[in-house]
Protein backbone atom coordinates (compact mmCIF):
# COMPACT_ATOMS: atom_id res chain seq x y z
CA MET A 1 -12.87 71.69 46.94
CA PRO A 2 -10.91 69.78 44.22
CA VAL A 3 -11.74 66.17 43.29
CA ASN A 4 -9.10 63.85 44.78
CA ASN A 5 -8.30 61.71 41.69
CA THR A 6 -5.32 59.27 42.20
CA THR A 7 -3.53 56.35 40.44
CA SER A 8 -4.65 52.84 41.34
CA ASN A 9 -1.24 51.42 42.46
CA ARG A 10 0.88 54.08 44.14
CA GLY A 11 -1.85 56.69 44.78
CA TYR A 12 -0.19 59.50 42.80
CA GLN A 13 -2.44 62.60 42.55
CA LEU A 14 -4.02 63.13 39.11
CA PRO A 15 -5.86 66.08 37.52
CA HIS A 16 -9.65 66.01 37.17
CA ALA A 17 -11.91 67.72 34.64
CA THR A 18 -13.89 69.54 37.30
CA ASN A 19 -10.86 70.89 39.16
CA PHE A 20 -9.51 74.39 38.71
CA LEU A 21 -6.18 74.70 36.93
CA ASP A 22 -4.35 76.09 39.94
CA GLU A 23 -5.68 73.20 42.01
CA ASP A 24 -4.50 70.52 39.51
CA VAL A 25 -1.06 72.19 39.09
CA ALA A 26 -0.47 71.79 42.82
CA ARG A 27 -1.65 68.19 42.64
CA LEU A 28 0.73 67.44 39.71
CA ILE A 29 3.66 68.98 41.58
CA ALA A 30 2.95 66.70 44.54
CA ALA A 31 2.60 63.63 42.25
CA LEU A 32 5.94 64.31 40.47
CA GLY A 33 7.67 64.66 43.81
CA ALA A 34 6.29 61.31 44.99
CA ILE A 35 7.40 59.67 41.72
CA ASP A 36 10.92 61.10 42.12
CA THR A 37 11.15 59.71 45.67
CA ASP A 38 10.02 56.23 44.53
CA MET A 39 12.44 56.16 41.56
CA ALA A 40 15.36 57.12 43.81
CA ALA A 41 14.56 54.16 46.07
CA VAL A 42 14.33 51.82 43.04
CA MET A 43 17.69 52.98 41.62
CA ALA A 44 19.34 52.51 44.99
CA GLY A 45 17.96 48.97 45.20
CA LEU A 46 19.21 48.11 41.67
CA LEU A 47 22.71 49.31 42.45
CA SER A 48 22.86 46.81 45.32
CA ARG A 49 21.96 43.85 43.05
CA ALA A 50 24.21 41.65 40.86
CA ALA A 51 23.89 41.59 37.09
CA ALA A 52 21.70 38.86 35.55
CA THR A 53 24.83 37.35 33.95
CA HIS A 54 27.78 37.19 36.32
CA GLY A 55 30.37 34.81 37.80
CA HIS A 56 31.97 33.96 41.15
CA VAL A 57 35.40 32.95 42.30
CA ILE A 58 35.82 29.82 44.44
CA ASN A 59 36.04 31.83 47.64
CA ASP A 60 32.59 33.32 46.98
CA VAL A 61 31.04 29.85 47.47
CA ALA A 62 30.93 28.91 51.13
CA GLY A 63 32.85 25.68 51.90
CA LEU A 64 33.82 24.97 48.27
CA GLN A 65 37.58 25.47 48.74
CA ALA A 66 37.64 23.21 51.81
CA ALA A 67 35.74 20.48 49.96
CA LEU A 68 38.15 20.64 47.02
CA ASP A 69 41.17 20.49 49.32
CA ALA A 70 39.82 17.19 50.75
CA LYS A 71 39.68 15.53 47.31
CA MET A 72 42.44 13.35 45.80
CA SER A 73 44.50 14.82 43.00
CA ALA A 74 43.58 13.65 39.49
CA SER A 75 47.20 12.67 38.86
CA VAL A 76 47.40 10.22 41.78
CA GLN A 77 47.54 6.49 40.82
CA LEU A 78 46.73 4.00 43.56
CA ALA A 79 48.15 0.49 43.81
CA LEU A 80 45.74 -2.46 44.01
CA ALA A 81 46.76 -3.11 47.62
CA ALA A 82 45.75 0.44 48.55
CA LEU A 83 42.08 -0.33 47.92
CA SER A 84 40.11 -0.96 51.07
CA ASP A 85 38.23 -3.98 49.67
CA VAL A 86 41.34 -5.83 48.36
CA ASP A 87 43.46 -8.16 50.53
CA LEU A 88 46.61 -9.31 48.72
CA THR A 89 47.90 -11.46 51.58
CA GLY A 90 49.65 -14.54 50.09
CA ALA A 91 49.36 -13.29 46.52
CA ALA A 92 51.71 -14.93 44.02
CA ALA A 93 52.20 -14.85 40.26
CA GLY A 94 49.48 -16.61 38.27
CA MET A 95 46.77 -16.17 40.89
CA PHE A 96 43.35 -14.64 40.37
CA LEU A 97 41.25 -12.42 42.61
CA ARG A 98 38.02 -13.87 43.94
CA LEU A 99 35.40 -12.07 46.02
CA ILE A 100 35.17 -13.74 49.42
CA GLY A 101 32.67 -11.99 51.63
CA ASN A 102 33.38 -8.29 51.07
CA LYS A 103 37.06 -8.67 50.16
CA TRP A 104 38.86 -9.54 46.92
CA SER A 105 41.51 -12.16 47.83
CA PRO A 106 44.12 -14.02 45.73
CA ILE A 107 43.42 -17.65 44.85
CA ALA A 108 45.02 -20.23 42.58
CA PHE A 109 42.90 -21.68 39.73
CA ASP A 110 42.49 -25.48 39.65
CA ALA A 111 40.22 -28.10 38.10
CA SER A 112 37.97 -28.31 41.16
CA MET A 113 36.59 -24.89 40.32
CA ILE A 114 34.96 -26.22 37.10
CA ALA A 115 31.48 -27.37 38.11
CA SER A 116 30.90 -29.54 35.00
CA GLY A 117 33.81 -31.90 35.66
CA THR A 118 37.56 -32.06 35.80
CA VAL A 119 40.33 -31.11 33.41
CA PRO A 120 43.80 -32.74 33.23
CA GLU A 121 45.53 -29.52 34.20
CA ALA A 122 44.70 -26.24 35.88
CA ARG A 123 45.76 -24.08 32.99
CA LEU A 124 44.90 -23.74 29.31
CA PRO A 125 47.34 -25.06 26.70
CA ALA A 126 50.19 -22.73 25.87
CA GLY A 127 48.60 -21.95 22.51
CA LEU A 128 46.18 -23.10 19.85
CA ALA A 129 47.16 -23.42 16.18
CA ALA A 130 45.28 -21.23 13.73
CA THR A 131 44.33 -24.30 11.69
CA ALA A 132 42.75 -25.90 14.75
CA LEU A 133 40.68 -22.80 15.41
CA ALA A 134 39.55 -22.67 11.76
CA ALA A 135 38.48 -26.32 11.91
CA ALA A 136 36.65 -25.97 15.21
CA PHE A 137 34.87 -22.65 14.70
CA ALA A 138 32.94 -21.07 11.82
CA PRO A 139 33.80 -17.58 10.55
CA LEU A 140 32.10 -14.73 12.37
CA SER A 141 30.03 -13.95 9.26
CA HIS A 142 28.49 -17.07 7.70
CA THR A 143 25.16 -18.55 6.48
CA HIS A 144 23.23 -21.81 6.89
CA PRO A 145 20.77 -23.63 4.59
CA PRO A 146 17.28 -24.21 6.06
CA SER A 147 18.08 -27.92 6.58
CA GLN A 148 20.73 -26.97 9.19
CA ILE A 149 18.39 -24.73 11.21
CA SER A 150 16.43 -26.48 13.92
CA GLY A 151 13.36 -25.12 15.59
CA LEU A 152 11.96 -23.18 12.61
CA PRO A 153 8.56 -21.67 13.50
CA ALA A 154 6.55 -24.33 11.62
CA PRO A 155 4.57 -26.66 13.89
CA SER A 156 4.29 -30.35 13.11
CA GLY A 157 1.64 -31.06 10.48
CA THR A 158 2.12 -27.76 8.63
CA ARG A 159 1.73 -28.23 4.84
CA MET A 160 3.58 -25.98 2.41
CA LEU A 161 4.49 -25.71 -1.28
CA PHE A 162 8.11 -26.18 -2.37
CA GLN A 163 9.56 -25.61 -5.86
CA GLN A 164 11.81 -28.67 -5.73
CA THR A 165 11.48 -32.40 -6.35
CA THR A 166 12.52 -33.60 -2.88
CA ALA A 167 11.10 -32.28 0.39
CA PRO A 168 13.63 -30.51 2.66
CA THR A 169 14.96 -32.17 5.79
CA GLY A 170 12.27 -32.40 8.46
CA TRP A 171 9.45 -32.45 5.89
CA THR A 172 7.68 -35.35 4.15
CA LYS A 173 6.56 -35.07 0.52
CA ASP A 174 2.93 -35.86 -0.31
CA ALA A 175 3.59 -38.25 -3.22
CA ASN A 176 -0.02 -38.61 -4.45
CA PRO A 177 0.41 -39.82 -8.10
CA GLY A 178 -2.90 -38.27 -9.09
CA TYR A 179 -1.77 -34.69 -8.52
CA ASN A 180 -2.14 -32.73 -11.77
CA HIS A 181 -4.03 -29.71 -10.46
CA SER A 182 -4.09 -25.95 -10.66
CA LEU A 183 -4.18 -23.84 -7.48
CA ARG A 184 -7.38 -22.23 -6.24
CA VAL A 185 -7.70 -19.63 -3.47
CA THR A 186 -10.70 -20.28 -1.22
CA GLY A 187 -12.18 -18.64 1.84
CA GLY A 188 -13.65 -21.94 3.04
CA ALA A 189 -12.19 -25.31 3.96
CA ALA A 190 -9.13 -26.45 2.00
CA GLY A 191 -9.80 -29.46 -0.24
CA TYR A 192 -9.78 -30.79 -3.79
CA GLY A 193 -12.23 -30.59 -6.68
CA GLY A 194 -12.77 -30.82 -10.41
CA SER A 195 -12.44 -33.81 -12.72
CA LEU A 196 -10.15 -32.67 -15.57
CA ALA A 197 -6.40 -32.87 -15.26
CA PHE A 198 -4.43 -29.61 -15.60
CA THR A 199 -2.39 -30.77 -18.63
CA ALA A 200 -5.50 -32.24 -20.28
CA VAL A 201 -7.39 -28.95 -20.16
CA PHE A 202 -4.45 -26.80 -21.18
CA ALA A 203 -3.33 -28.61 -24.34
CA ASP A 204 -2.97 -28.04 -28.09
CA ARG A 205 -6.23 -29.28 -29.59
CA GLY A 206 -8.47 -28.91 -32.66
CA ILE A 207 -12.15 -27.99 -32.70
CA ALA A 208 -14.51 -29.49 -35.37
CA GLY A 209 -18.30 -29.96 -35.72
CA VAL A 210 -21.49 -29.23 -37.63
CA THR A 211 -24.26 -26.84 -36.71
CA ASN A 212 -27.85 -28.16 -36.47
CA GLY A 213 -30.03 -27.93 -39.64
CA VAL A 214 -33.09 -25.65 -39.34
CA ALA A 215 -35.78 -25.10 -42.02
CA ALA A 216 -36.65 -21.48 -42.75
CA GLY A 217 -40.22 -20.35 -43.54
CA GLY A 218 -42.66 -17.47 -43.13
CA SER A 219 -43.76 -14.34 -44.93
CA VAL A 220 -42.80 -10.71 -44.99
CA GLY A 221 -45.23 -8.18 -43.63
CA ASP A 222 -47.77 -6.38 -45.87
CA THR A 223 -46.66 -3.04 -47.22
CA THR A 224 -48.88 -0.38 -48.83
CA LEU A 225 -47.12 1.58 -51.54
CA SER A 226 -48.05 5.21 -51.98
CA THR A 227 -48.48 6.71 -55.46
CA ALA A 228 -45.13 8.41 -55.08
CA GLN A 229 -43.53 5.01 -54.32
CA MET A 230 -44.93 3.31 -57.48
CA PRO A 231 -43.20 3.66 -60.90
CA TRP A 232 -44.77 6.41 -62.96
CA HIS A 233 -46.95 4.95 -65.79
CA GLN A 234 -49.85 5.68 -68.22
CA HIS A 235 -52.57 3.65 -70.01
CA ALA A 236 -53.34 4.08 -73.82
CA PHE A 237 -56.94 4.02 -75.25
CA VAL A 238 -58.74 4.93 -78.55
CA GLU A 239 -61.49 7.61 -78.68
CA ILE A 240 -64.01 7.66 -81.64
CA GLY A 241 -65.34 11.09 -82.70
CA GLY A 242 -68.43 11.59 -84.94
CA ASN A 243 -69.74 13.66 -87.90
CA GLY A 244 -66.79 15.08 -89.51
CA GLY A 245 -64.92 16.11 -86.56
CA SER A 246 -61.21 16.59 -86.88
CA GLY A 247 -58.65 14.57 -85.10
CA SER A 248 -55.27 13.05 -85.27
CA GLY A 249 -56.54 9.48 -85.72
CA GLU A 250 -57.71 7.47 -88.72
CA ALA A 251 -60.95 8.76 -90.57
CA TYR A 252 -63.60 6.68 -92.36
CA ASP A 253 -67.15 7.24 -93.84
CA ASP A 254 -70.39 5.69 -92.46
CA GLY A 255 -73.40 7.02 -94.33
CA PRO A 256 -74.20 10.55 -93.40
CA TYR A 257 -71.57 10.60 -90.74
CA ARG A 258 -67.93 11.04 -91.07
CA LEU A 259 -66.17 9.27 -88.17
CA ARG A 260 -62.66 9.72 -86.94
CA THR A 261 -60.64 7.84 -84.28
CA TYR A 262 -58.33 9.51 -81.78
CA SER A 263 -55.45 7.90 -79.86
CA ARG A 264 -55.44 8.97 -76.19
CA VAL A 265 -53.52 8.13 -72.98
CA THR A 266 -54.57 8.47 -69.36
CA ASP A 267 -52.84 10.79 -66.92
CA GLY A 268 -49.82 9.29 -65.20
CA ALA A 269 -50.69 7.64 -61.82
CA GLY A 270 -50.11 4.61 -59.62
CA LEU A 271 -52.20 2.35 -57.31
CA SER A 272 -51.75 2.15 -53.51
CA LEU A 273 -52.47 -1.49 -52.78
CA ALA A 274 -51.09 -3.55 -49.84
CA HIS A 275 -49.26 -6.73 -50.79
CA GLY A 276 -46.95 -9.33 -49.24
CA HIS A 277 -44.31 -11.85 -50.27
CA SER A 278 -43.94 -15.38 -48.99
CA PHE A 279 -40.60 -17.19 -48.73
CA THR A 280 -39.42 -20.67 -47.91
CA GLY A 281 -36.03 -22.30 -47.36
CA SER A 282 -34.79 -25.83 -46.88
CA ALA A 283 -32.95 -26.97 -43.75
CA HIS A 284 -29.15 -26.67 -44.00
CA SER A 285 -26.11 -26.74 -41.71
CA HIS A 286 -22.58 -25.26 -41.48
CA SER A 287 -19.39 -27.10 -40.64
CA VAL A 288 -16.97 -25.60 -38.06
CA SER A 289 -13.23 -26.27 -37.83
CA ALA A 290 -10.50 -24.51 -35.79
CA SER A 291 -7.23 -25.07 -33.91
CA LEU A 292 -6.90 -23.84 -30.29
CA ASN A 293 -3.54 -23.94 -28.50
CA MET A 294 -4.02 -23.75 -24.72
CA SER A 295 -0.68 -25.32 -23.79
CA VAL A 296 -0.04 -22.81 -20.97
CA ALA A 297 3.42 -22.67 -19.38
CA TYR A 298 3.61 -23.88 -15.77
CA VAL A 299 6.03 -24.47 -12.88
CA ASP A 300 5.81 -27.69 -10.87
CA VAL A 301 5.63 -27.52 -7.06
CA ILE A 302 5.27 -30.23 -4.43
CA ILE A 303 3.25 -30.37 -1.21
CA ALA A 304 5.24 -31.36 1.88
CA GLN A 305 4.20 -31.72 5.50
CA LYS A 306 6.29 -30.80 8.52
CA ASP A 307 7.29 -33.89 10.48
């Protein structure tokens, strides 16, 4: 009996390695027939469907034509009186519309409508001269100096530096006559310090003086000279030879002996002896003289406090 091997989704019959050929051929014929039946059903279903990209006429949308017919034409222009929330009863030229309840109604403008007071007439002047406007209003684009700006974000008591002689409006200059200081950045409490004025320290000045006198004395260390370090030298001496000997010196007779002197020199050599040298010096001094220009350039600032 053949092995009933099938697909996992649609259960189409499949061959199997242990089946006979004639058995699997019959199974394949049955599977192809089932596939053909399924594909025919799929094709029929696709033919009854619309394309992914398609359009519709107005009549294809239920109720759309009726809804459009109930709308007002885009070319229609309505009068103000045709609006349901406007009541123009008693309207006359020069009136304004004011919302009363849920209706806009005409009303005449008069001085009583100005909450801050009254005006001599219920209308604005016929016109304003351009020169009057220019005098009363600033140009749209304009600037102001700090003195004309009120409410700057500097609380009262704030102290600041200004590069000007007079403090700006709203500030008071600290006129301490002793100020002649440099600026120091500190991470601690702000304060004052030092004793030398800025212009006194940074000035054109000369430097003069004399060094202290010191007496010099002592000795150099002992040094032993080797033979190679000493100058090469020899020592001369006279040798006396006896009884007729020969030599290069002077000869003389002395009884039975004949004596002769010989001039000799020692071999060249040197002595290796340690020695030292003493030295002394009298106290003396040196004069010093120089010119140092520290007249640094500076810019004056003032301290002012916010009123």
